[in-house]
Amino acid sequence: MRLILASAALGILVWSVTVSPTPTWLVFLTNWGLVLVAMTTLNGLVLSCIALCRKNMDGDGLPWFVSTYWFLFNVSVTIAIMITALYWILIYDPEPEDPESHDLWLDIGTHAVNSLIMLAELLATRTPIRFLHLYQPLGMGLCYAAFSAIYYVAGGTVNGFPYIYEVLDWRQAKRAGAIVGGAAAGVIIIYAFLWGLALCRDKISTSLIRTTSHDLAPVPPDRHMA
């Protein structure tokens, strides 16, 4: 399963870079998300291989490579879904000015399949979600907002425009700030949903499947509800 997910994530990343090989490729939040999803799924694949080779992973704490994967997972699954929501609600244009240059399948791959990959990673593994780790995806989102503002102040442009996304045009600071605030609230809502989904997954797995995951070292049940 993880080999399939990692291959799909890496394939979409390469597809996106190949179609749009521009110097500004990495300024877009979508592409930050693609990199994060690819890193997460590849780390998950490596982690599973390590777990298979090293049967005994008990210790005083989580190994650094497990902690790294866990951090990437928390950020990627939330940001991927947030990117999907923001794109299809605020940015997607069903009637583009240049239909010939518009690649709907690439849009679907980068703004929908990315979320499906991370949801599959969530449901197919027992990677835990701790509610107090909300600061991780929230911090990443705020980092991108700060980056977009700095990019504008530094005189950066995309296709001749002084903004990365029109909805995040810092020439209209109040509107851009409102978008950032709304997106931050969206991250909190999405993370809360994922936390609940992970709890349901664990209960179903424990009661029906009763298997022990080798993806992460044993962790205590989540008691953090706020």
Foldseek 3Di string as FASTA:
>chain_A
DLVVLLVLLVVLLVVQCVLDVDPCSVLDLLNVLSVLSNVLSVLLVVLVVVCVVPVDPDDPDWPPSLVVSLLSLLQNLLSLQLQLVCCVPPNDDPDDPDVVSDDVVSCCSSRPVSNVSSVCVLLVALSAAALVSLCRNLVVLVVSLVVQVVCLVVPHDDPPHSGDGPQLDCVVVVSNVVVSVVSSVSSNVSSLVSNVVSVVSVVCCCPPVNDDGSSTDDDDDHPDPD
